Protein backbone atom coordinates (compact mmCIF):
# COMPACT_ATOMS: atom_id res chain seq x y z
CA MET A 1 36.99 -17.94 43.38
CA ALA A 2 39.22 -17.48 40.38
CA ASN A 3 40.29 -13.86 40.07
CA ASP A 4 40.82 -13.83 36.30
CA VAL A 5 37.17 -13.26 35.39
CA ASP A 6 35.55 -10.02 34.31
CA THR A 7 33.25 -8.05 36.63
CA ASP A 8 29.97 -9.22 35.06
CA THR A 9 31.00 -12.86 35.16
CA GLN A 10 32.26 -12.52 38.72
CA GLU A 11 28.89 -11.13 39.81
CA LEU A 12 27.11 -14.03 38.12
CA VAL A 13 29.50 -16.53 39.70
CA GLU A 14 28.70 -15.08 43.12
CA LEU A 15 24.99 -15.47 42.40
CA PHE A 16 25.70 -19.03 41.27
CA ARG A 17 27.28 -19.76 44.64
CA ASP A 18 24.23 -18.35 46.40
CA ARG A 19 21.95 -20.65 44.41
CA ILE A 20 24.08 -23.80 44.52
CA LYS A 21 24.31 -24.53 48.22
CA GLY A 22 22.80 -26.73 50.91
CA PRO A 23 20.93 -29.72 49.47
CA ILE A 24 21.79 -28.72 45.89
CA GLU A 25 25.48 -28.94 46.70
CA THR A 26 24.89 -32.32 48.31
CA PHE A 27 23.02 -33.59 45.24
CA LEU A 28 25.98 -32.60 43.05
CA ASP A 29 28.34 -34.51 45.31
CA VAL A 30 26.11 -37.59 45.46
CA CYS A 31 25.10 -37.90 41.79
CA ALA A 32 27.08 -40.76 40.25
CA HIS A 33 25.97 -39.88 36.69
CA CYS A 34 24.79 -43.48 36.33
CA GLY A 35 21.99 -42.45 33.95
CA ILE A 36 19.34 -44.64 35.59
CA CYS A 37 17.14 -41.54 35.56
CA ALA A 38 17.23 -41.34 31.74
CA ASP A 39 14.33 -43.66 30.97
CA SER A 40 12.17 -42.01 33.63
CA CYS A 41 12.32 -38.62 31.88
CA HIS A 42 9.59 -38.02 29.29
CA VAL A 43 11.63 -35.24 27.66
CA TYR A 44 14.59 -37.54 27.04
CA VAL A 45 12.37 -40.49 26.04
CA GLY A 46 10.41 -38.29 23.63
CA THR A 47 13.33 -36.39 22.12
CA GLY A 48 16.40 -38.58 22.54
CA ASP A 49 18.36 -35.45 23.50
CA VAL A 50 21.05 -36.50 25.97
CA ASP A 51 21.12 -32.98 27.43
CA GLN A 52 17.67 -33.76 28.82
CA ILE A 53 18.83 -36.72 30.88
CA PRO A 54 18.41 -35.47 34.47
CA SER A 55 21.92 -36.47 35.47
CA ALA A 56 23.29 -34.42 32.55
CA ARG A 57 21.88 -31.29 34.19
CA ALA A 58 23.61 -32.22 37.42
CA GLN A 59 26.83 -32.82 35.52
CA GLN A 60 26.70 -29.42 33.83
CA LEU A 61 26.13 -27.73 37.17
CA GLU A 62 28.95 -29.71 38.70
CA ARG A 63 31.35 -28.62 35.97
CA VAL A 64 30.63 -24.95 36.65
CA TYR A 65 30.86 -25.52 40.39
CA LYS A 66 34.26 -27.17 40.02
CA ARG A 67 35.55 -24.28 37.93
CA TYR A 68 35.07 -21.67 40.63
CA TYR A 69 34.78 -23.48 43.92
CA THR A 70 37.38 -26.26 43.85
CA ARG A 71 41.12 -25.75 43.91
CA LEU A 72 41.81 -28.05 40.98
CA GLY A 73 39.03 -26.47 38.97
CA GLN A 74 40.63 -23.07 39.39
CA ILE A 75 44.16 -24.22 38.62
CA ALA A 76 43.61 -26.89 35.95
CA PRO A 77 39.96 -26.77 34.80
CA ARG A 78 40.45 -29.12 31.83
CA LEU A 79 41.94 -31.77 34.07
CA VAL A 80 38.72 -32.07 36.10
CA GLY A 81 36.28 -31.22 33.30
CA ALA A 82 35.40 -27.81 34.74
CA HIS A 83 33.57 -25.25 32.57
CA ASP A 84 33.53 -21.45 32.66
CA LEU A 85 30.16 -19.83 33.21
CA ASP A 86 30.25 -18.27 29.75
CA GLU A 87 27.56 -17.58 27.14
CA GLU A 88 27.79 -21.07 25.66
CA VAL A 89 27.27 -22.71 29.06
CA LEU A 90 24.45 -20.31 29.91
CA ASP A 91 22.74 -21.19 26.61
CA ARG A 92 23.01 -24.87 27.44
CA LEU A 93 21.74 -24.37 30.98
CA GLN A 94 18.80 -22.37 29.66
CA LYS A 95 17.73 -25.17 27.34
CA MET A 96 18.22 -27.79 30.04
CA ALA A 97 16.32 -25.86 32.68
CA TYR A 98 13.35 -24.44 30.81
CA GLN A 99 12.63 -27.56 28.75
CA CYS A 100 12.40 -29.60 31.97
CA THR A 101 8.83 -29.70 33.33
CA LEU A 102 9.89 -30.06 36.99
CA CYS A 103 7.73 -33.19 37.22
CA ARG A 104 10.06 -34.98 39.67
CA ARG A 105 9.45 -38.39 38.08
CA CYS A 106 13.20 -38.95 37.86
CA ALA A 107 13.47 -38.65 41.66
CA LEU A 108 11.37 -41.81 42.04
CA TYR A 109 13.93 -43.87 40.15
CA CYS A 110 17.18 -42.30 41.36
CA PRO A 111 18.97 -44.82 43.62
CA PHE A 112 20.21 -41.88 45.73
CA GLY A 113 16.90 -40.00 45.89
CA ILE A 114 18.32 -36.94 44.13
CA ASP A 115 15.70 -34.26 43.49
CA ASN A 116 16.67 -33.03 40.04
CA ALA A 117 13.77 -30.55 40.01
CA SER A 118 15.39 -28.65 42.89
CA MET A 119 18.56 -28.32 40.85
CA VAL A 120 16.59 -27.13 37.84
CA ALA A 121 14.79 -24.57 40.02
CA ALA A 122 18.19 -23.32 41.20
CA ILE A 123 19.38 -23.04 37.59
CA ARG A 124 16.25 -21.10 36.67
CA SER A 125 16.84 -18.67 39.53
CA LEU A 126 20.37 -18.12 38.28
CA LEU A 127 19.15 -17.60 34.72
CA ALA A 128 16.51 -15.16 35.95
CA ASP A 129 19.28 -13.20 37.69
CA ALA A 130 21.14 -13.22 34.37
CA GLY A 131 18.09 -11.90 32.48
CA ARG A 132 17.61 -15.16 30.59
CA VAL A 133 13.97 -16.04 31.24
CA PRO A 134 12.31 -17.04 27.92
CA ALA A 135 10.12 -14.22 26.60
CA GLY A 136 6.76 -16.05 26.69
CA LEU A 137 7.23 -17.16 30.26
CA GLU A 138 8.42 -13.72 31.30
CA GLU A 139 5.33 -12.14 29.72
CA HIS A 140 2.98 -14.36 31.74
CA THR A 141 4.95 -13.67 34.91
CA ASN A 142 4.99 -9.91 34.40
CA ASN A 143 1.29 -9.81 33.52
CA ALA A 144 0.45 -11.50 36.81
CA TYR A 145 2.86 -9.37 38.80
CA GLU A 146 1.73 -6.08 37.30
CA THR A 147 -2.00 -6.62 36.64
CA GLY A 148 -2.85 -9.39 39.11
CA ASN A 149 -3.44 -12.15 36.56
CA THR A 150 -1.52 -13.84 33.75
CA LEU A 151 -3.91 -12.81 30.96
CA ALA A 152 -4.22 -9.18 32.12
CA ILE A 153 -8.00 -9.55 32.45
CA SER A 154 -9.52 -6.22 33.45
CA ASP A 155 -11.95 -5.79 36.34
CA GLU A 156 -14.70 -5.04 33.84
CA GLN A 157 -13.99 -8.21 31.86
CA PHE A 158 -13.97 -10.25 35.03
CA MET A 159 -17.33 -8.88 36.19
CA ASP A 160 -18.86 -9.48 32.75
CA ARG A 161 -17.70 -13.09 32.82
CA VAL A 162 -18.99 -13.63 36.38
CA GLU A 163 -22.39 -12.26 35.37
CA TRP A 164 -22.50 -14.81 32.55
CA PHE A 165 -21.31 -17.61 34.86
CA GLU A 166 -24.11 -16.77 37.26
CA GLU A 167 -26.72 -16.91 34.49
CA GLU A 168 -25.39 -20.32 33.43
CA LEU A 169 -25.48 -21.51 37.04
CA GLN A 170 -29.10 -20.44 37.47
CA ASP A 171 -30.09 -22.29 34.28
CA ALA A 172 -28.16 -25.39 35.35
CA VAL A 173 -29.77 -25.64 38.80
CA ASP A 174 -33.14 -24.15 37.74
CA ASP A 175 -33.01 -21.51 40.47
CA ASP A 176 -33.09 -17.81 39.70
CA GLU A 177 -31.82 -17.08 43.21
CA ALA A 178 -28.57 -19.03 42.78
CA THR A 179 -25.59 -16.71 42.91
CA ILE A 180 -21.84 -16.58 42.61
CA PRO A 181 -20.94 -14.63 45.75
CA LEU A 182 -18.20 -12.05 45.46
CA ASP A 183 -16.04 -10.62 48.28
CA LYS A 184 -18.25 -12.22 50.95
CA GLU A 185 -16.57 -11.65 54.28
CA GLY A 186 -16.51 -14.61 56.66
CA ALA A 187 -17.29 -17.22 54.01
CA ARG A 188 -15.79 -20.60 54.83
CA VAL A 189 -14.26 -21.12 51.38
CA LEU A 190 -12.48 -18.67 49.10
CA PHE A 191 -12.51 -20.26 45.66
CA VAL A 192 -9.68 -19.02 43.42
CA PRO A 193 -9.83 -20.06 39.75
CA THR A 194 -7.32 -19.36 36.96
CA PRO A 195 -7.44 -16.83 34.12
CA ILE A 196 -7.52 -19.63 31.54
CA GLN A 197 -10.69 -20.92 33.21
CA ILE A 198 -12.24 -17.49 33.15
CA MET A 199 -11.56 -17.08 29.43
CA ARG A 200 -11.21 -20.57 27.88
CA PHE A 201 -12.48 -23.23 30.29
CA PRO A 202 -15.43 -21.43 31.94
CA SER A 203 -17.25 -24.72 32.52
CA VAL A 204 -14.84 -25.41 35.41
CA ILE A 205 -16.05 -22.35 37.32
CA ILE A 206 -19.71 -22.95 36.46
CA SER A 207 -19.40 -26.62 37.45
CA ALA A 208 -17.70 -25.71 40.74
CA ALA A 209 -20.49 -23.23 41.51
CA LYS A 210 -23.08 -25.90 40.71
CA ILE A 211 -21.38 -28.35 43.09
CA PHE A 212 -21.13 -25.71 45.84
CA TYR A 213 -24.83 -25.02 45.38
CA ALA A 214 -25.71 -28.70 45.71
CA ALA A 215 -23.47 -29.12 48.76
CA GLY A 216 -24.81 -25.98 50.45
CA GLU A 217 -21.29 -24.60 50.74
CA ASP A 218 -20.56 -21.20 52.27
CA TRP A 219 -18.21 -19.82 49.65
CA THR A 220 -17.08 -16.75 47.77
CA MET A 221 -14.83 -15.54 44.99
CA SER A 222 -12.68 -12.43 45.12
CA THR A 223 -12.81 -9.46 42.76
CA ARG A 224 -9.21 -8.65 43.71
CA ARG A 225 -7.55 -12.05 43.47
CA PHE A 226 -9.00 -14.33 40.81
CA ASP A 227 -5.75 -15.91 39.64
CA GLY A 228 -4.32 -18.82 41.62
CA THR A 229 -1.38 -19.37 39.26
CA ASN A 230 2.18 -18.35 40.03
CA PHE A 231 4.31 -18.26 36.89
CA ALA A 232 7.22 -16.76 38.80
CA LEU A 233 7.63 -20.26 40.26
CA PHE A 234 8.51 -21.31 36.72
CA SER A 235 10.53 -18.28 35.67
CA GLY A 236 12.76 -18.50 38.73
CA GLU A 237 12.05 -14.94 39.90
CA GLU A 238 11.82 -15.52 43.62
CA GLU A 239 10.78 -12.03 44.69
CA LYS A 240 7.82 -12.06 42.31
CA ARG A 241 6.98 -15.63 43.32
CA ASP A 242 6.80 -14.67 46.98
CA GLU A 243 4.78 -11.54 46.28
CA MET A 244 2.15 -13.47 44.32
CA SER A 245 1.82 -15.99 47.13
CA GLN A 246 1.54 -13.21 49.71
CA ARG A 247 -1.31 -11.61 47.77
CA LEU A 248 -3.43 -14.73 48.22
CA VAL A 249 -2.57 -14.83 51.91
CA ASP A 250 -3.56 -11.18 52.28
CA GLU A 251 -6.87 -11.79 50.53
CA MET A 252 -7.66 -14.75 52.76
CA GLN A 253 -7.06 -12.53 55.77
CA ARG A 254 -9.08 -9.65 54.31
CA LEU A 255 -12.12 -11.85 53.74
CA GLY A 256 -11.62 -14.01 56.82
CA ALA A 257 -12.03 -17.28 54.93
CA LYS A 258 -11.01 -20.59 56.48
CA VAL A 259 -10.20 -22.60 53.34
CA LEU A 260 -8.18 -21.39 50.37
CA LEU A 261 -9.61 -23.54 47.59
CA LEU A 262 -7.54 -23.72 44.41
CA SER A 263 -9.24 -24.77 41.21
CA GLU A 264 -8.06 -27.30 38.63
CA CYS A 265 -4.45 -26.10 38.52
CA GLY A 266 -1.63 -28.33 39.69
CA HIS A 267 1.11 -25.86 40.49
CA SER A 268 -1.16 -23.37 42.26
CA TYR A 269 -2.09 -26.10 44.73
CA TRP A 270 1.44 -27.42 45.24
CA SER A 271 2.98 -23.98 45.65
CA MET A 272 0.45 -22.75 48.22
CA LYS A 273 0.04 -26.06 50.04
CA TYR A 274 3.65 -27.18 50.33
CA ALA A 275 6.02 -24.34 49.45
CA ALA A 276 4.62 -20.88 50.17
CA GLU A 277 4.82 -21.13 53.96
CA THR A 278 8.55 -21.78 53.59
CA TRP A 279 8.97 -18.99 51.04
CA LEU A 280 7.14 -16.50 53.24
CA GLY A 281 8.59 -17.76 56.50
CA LYS A 282 5.34 -18.21 58.41
CA PRO A 283 2.53 -20.75 58.83
CA PHE A 284 -0.88 -19.97 57.34
CA PRO A 285 -3.90 -19.51 59.63
CA PHE A 286 -6.09 -21.31 57.07
CA GLU A 287 -6.29 -24.58 55.12
CA VAL A 288 -5.22 -24.99 51.51
CA LYS A 289 -7.21 -27.45 49.41
CA ASN A 290 -7.71 -28.40 45.78
CA ILE A 291 -11.18 -28.54 44.25
CA VAL A 292 -11.06 -32.32 43.71
CA GLU A 293 -10.07 -32.77 47.35
CA LEU A 294 -13.14 -30.87 48.54
CA ILE A 295 -15.46 -32.60 46.07
CA SER A 296 -14.20 -35.96 47.31
CA GLU A 297 -15.12 -34.89 50.84
CA TYR A 298 -18.61 -33.88 49.69
CA ILE A 299 -19.08 -37.34 48.17
CA SER A 300 -17.84 -39.26 51.19
CA GLU A 301 -19.92 -37.12 53.56
CA GLY A 302 -23.05 -37.50 51.44
CA ARG A 303 -23.32 -33.77 50.83
CA ILE A 304 -23.83 -34.35 47.10
CA LYS A 305 -25.50 -37.22 45.26
CA LEU A 306 -24.36 -38.41 41.83
CA ASP A 307 -25.84 -40.44 39.01
CA PRO A 308 -22.92 -42.14 37.20
CA SER A 309 -25.17 -43.32 34.36
CA VAL A 310 -25.01 -39.76 33.00
CA ASN A 311 -21.35 -40.27 32.08
CA LYS A 312 -21.39 -43.47 30.06
CA LYS A 313 -18.11 -43.18 28.15
CA LEU A 314 -15.05 -45.07 29.34
CA VAL A 315 -12.96 -42.59 31.33
CA THR A 316 -9.31 -42.64 32.37
CA TYR A 317 -7.43 -40.18 34.55
CA HIS A 318 -4.24 -38.25 33.88
CA ASP A 319 -2.38 -37.47 37.12
CA PRO A 320 -1.08 -33.89 37.10
CA CYS A 321 2.43 -34.09 38.54
CA ASN A 322 1.87 -31.27 41.02
CA LEU A 323 -1.28 -32.89 42.38
CA SER A 324 -0.24 -36.53 42.46
CA ARG A 325 3.49 -37.15 42.58
CA LYS A 326 4.30 -33.85 44.29
CA GLY A 327 1.00 -33.12 46.03
CA GLY A 328 -0.20 -36.51 47.27
CA LEU A 329 -3.71 -36.24 45.79
CA LEU A 330 -3.99 -39.74 44.38
CA GLU A 331 -7.22 -41.20 45.71
CA GLU A 332 -9.37 -38.06 45.73
CA PRO A 333 -9.74 -37.51 41.96
CA ARG A 334 -10.32 -41.23 41.46
CA ALA A 335 -13.04 -41.24 44.10
CA CYS A 336 -14.70 -38.40 42.19
CA LEU A 337 -14.51 -40.21 38.85
CA GLU A 338 -15.61 -43.58 40.19
CA ALA A 339 -18.67 -41.93 41.75
CA ALA A 340 -19.48 -39.80 38.69
CA CYS A 341 -18.80 -42.19 35.79
CA GLU A 342 -20.07 -45.64 34.78
CA GLU A 343 -16.69 -46.94 33.68
CA PHE A 344 -13.24 -45.94 34.84
CA VAL A 345 -9.91 -47.43 33.77
CA GLU A 346 -6.35 -46.62 34.82
CA MET A 347 -3.51 -45.76 32.51
CA THR A 348 -0.28 -47.69 33.01
CA PRO A 349 1.73 -46.47 34.85
CA SER A 350 -0.48 -44.20 36.93
CA GLY A 351 -0.54 -42.40 40.24
CA ALA A 352 2.84 -41.27 41.52
CA GLU A 353 4.61 -43.02 38.62
CA ALA A 354 2.42 -41.52 35.87
CA TRP A 355 4.09 -39.93 32.88
CA CYS A 356 4.05 -36.12 32.85
CA CYS A 357 1.85 -34.57 30.15
CA GLY A 358 4.95 -32.82 28.80
CA GLY A 359 3.71 -29.25 29.11
CA GLY A 360 4.30 -28.45 32.78
CA GLY A 361 6.85 -26.25 34.48
CA GLY A 362 5.91 -23.30 32.27
CA VAL A 363 7.09 -25.04 29.09
CA ILE A 364 3.70 -24.58 27.46
CA ALA A 365 4.19 -20.80 27.68
CA ILE A 366 7.46 -20.90 25.68
CA PRO A 367 6.59 -21.09 21.94
CA GLU A 368 10.15 -21.77 20.81
CA TYR A 369 10.02 -25.08 22.70
CA ASP A 370 6.77 -26.29 21.10
CA GLU A 371 8.46 -29.05 19.08
CA VAL A 372 10.26 -30.36 22.16
CA ARG A 373 7.05 -30.13 24.19
CA LEU A 374 5.07 -32.19 21.69
CA ASN A 375 7.84 -34.79 21.42
CA ALA A 376 7.95 -34.96 25.21
CA GLY A 377 4.21 -35.67 25.19
CA LYS A 378 4.57 -38.90 23.21
CA PRO A 379 4.81 -41.22 26.27
CA LYS A 380 1.54 -39.74 27.50
CA ALA A 381 -0.07 -40.03 24.05
CA ASP A 382 0.89 -43.71 23.99
CA GLN A 383 -0.65 -44.17 27.44
CA MET A 384 -3.91 -42.54 26.43
CA ARG A 385 -4.19 -44.69 23.31
CA GLU A 386 -3.33 -47.93 25.12
CA SER A 387 -5.90 -47.30 27.85
CA GLY A 388 -8.75 -47.68 25.34
CA ALA A 389 -10.56 -44.82 27.05
CA GLN A 390 -12.84 -42.45 25.18
CA MET A 391 -12.33 -39.61 27.63
CA VAL A 392 -9.27 -38.45 29.55
CA ALA A 393 -10.12 -36.58 32.73
CA THR A 394 -7.65 -34.42 34.58
CA ALA A 395 -7.63 -31.68 37.21
CA CYS A 396 -5.19 -29.14 35.76
CA ASP A 397 -5.70 -26.50 33.07
CA ASN A 398 -2.11 -26.76 31.92
CA CYS A 399 -2.46 -30.52 31.48
CA LYS A 400 -5.73 -30.03 29.59
CA LEU A 401 -4.11 -27.68 27.10
CA GLN A 402 -1.21 -30.05 26.57
CA LEU A 403 -3.30 -33.22 26.39
CA ILE A 404 -5.69 -31.71 23.85
CA GLU A 405 -2.75 -30.73 21.64
CA VAL A 406 -0.87 -34.00 22.16
CA ALA A 407 -3.95 -36.11 21.37
CA GLU A 408 -4.47 -34.20 18.12
CA HIS A 409 -0.77 -34.31 17.22
CA TYR A 410 -0.51 -38.09 17.67
CA GLY A 411 -3.99 -38.94 16.41
CA VAL A 412 -5.37 -40.26 19.70
CA ASP A 413 -9.18 -40.32 19.54
CA VAL A 414 -10.07 -39.04 23.01
CA SER A 415 -11.79 -36.01 24.46
CA VAL A 416 -10.15 -34.20 27.37
CA VAL A 417 -12.37 -33.11 30.26
CA GLY A 418 -12.11 -31.82 33.80
CA VAL A 419 -12.95 -33.91 36.86
CA THR A 420 -15.09 -31.05 38.18
CA ASP A 421 -17.16 -30.99 34.98
CA LEU A 422 -17.87 -34.73 35.12
CA VAL A 423 -19.01 -34.50 38.74
CA ALA A 424 -21.22 -31.51 37.98
CA ASP A 425 -22.80 -33.33 35.04
CA ALA A 426 -23.66 -36.26 37.32
CA LEU A 427 -25.21 -34.20 40.12
CA ILE A 428 -28.68 -35.17 41.31
CA LEU A 429 -30.27 -31.84 42.14
CA ASP A 430 -33.95 -32.72 42.57
CA GLU A 431 -33.37 -34.15 46.05
CA GLU A 432 -31.58 -30.99 47.08
CA LYS A 433 -34.59 -28.85 46.19
CA GLU A 434 -37.16 -30.91 48.09
């Protein structure tokens, strides 16, 4: 390392080295800066900002790496295009990292298979160490870390909402004995929603309860852990990220449930299904599933019956990146929609190649990036319009919020709904009562 840097910078450089190692270091070596990834990135396509080309992020990282960890970069930085890790570079890295939605679409088109999202996650961790997490994202992260949920919902508020959900469930299934079980030990399924569902999209929880009722599921919700989100994954604060994951593990063990069921939230599923065991260094003694995955099983096993004529409007599906491209849930939501709706049509492209909504990766929680976020949503707005659909279904709260705003911003005449809601609307309950 160069020895002509001040103490604060030297400390940050050492943290940089800790973050940029292993596969990240390999990606920097392999990236040819060919720019093939450019047209795969919705942020670049929507904004035209060359800093948002995925390979540009790799190049900026490489320049800092060269400055401190190559001989030529230390001796003659200008000769090799090396950059100091100064305030200007940190500002640029912050914009690059926190405006990226971590969707991993660029990785599909990279001829070398470079995972740009891993590099962005490393940059975010570095920026978190430097105290440079955007304020809105930090607020959500701290709320969850300190109060147990991102919206700081109190226990009293939660219980009031659950009481209302239960009343709505009883009306929906015409059964005064129908309940939303809380803290039931030994239940097969622990259903964990999100705070935004509790406060803004309550139909998701009511619809899930209705489906569980029809399927005869042995389930419960927790009064301690009713937030499946993990905004520290987005902020880059690894200690908080791990702690929030561990809390769900602890609650599963406390209640003795066999299936951790995450609601319509893409990153909560991906993080607990594919990442948290690595973060925490141990395998889980339970399954992790998403709500659409379980509903698809109910349909295939005949545990619920649906009447698709209830949902007559032409429906298309938006693939949340964390569920489809990163999580592998491609067929399950489509099986739900095809069983619950009269007409279903795909957007083009769809599935693993679908365009990101533009609001993922925590970007929707950063108000100063709203203009970029809406511009990044244009490829998705074009897809929705071209599909001819009247309704866009998805299985992620974050995507819903973004799609609603994007549709309004670009004048796309569609309604945005949840997969769970459409299935619940189509349920045939009379047979279940007989």
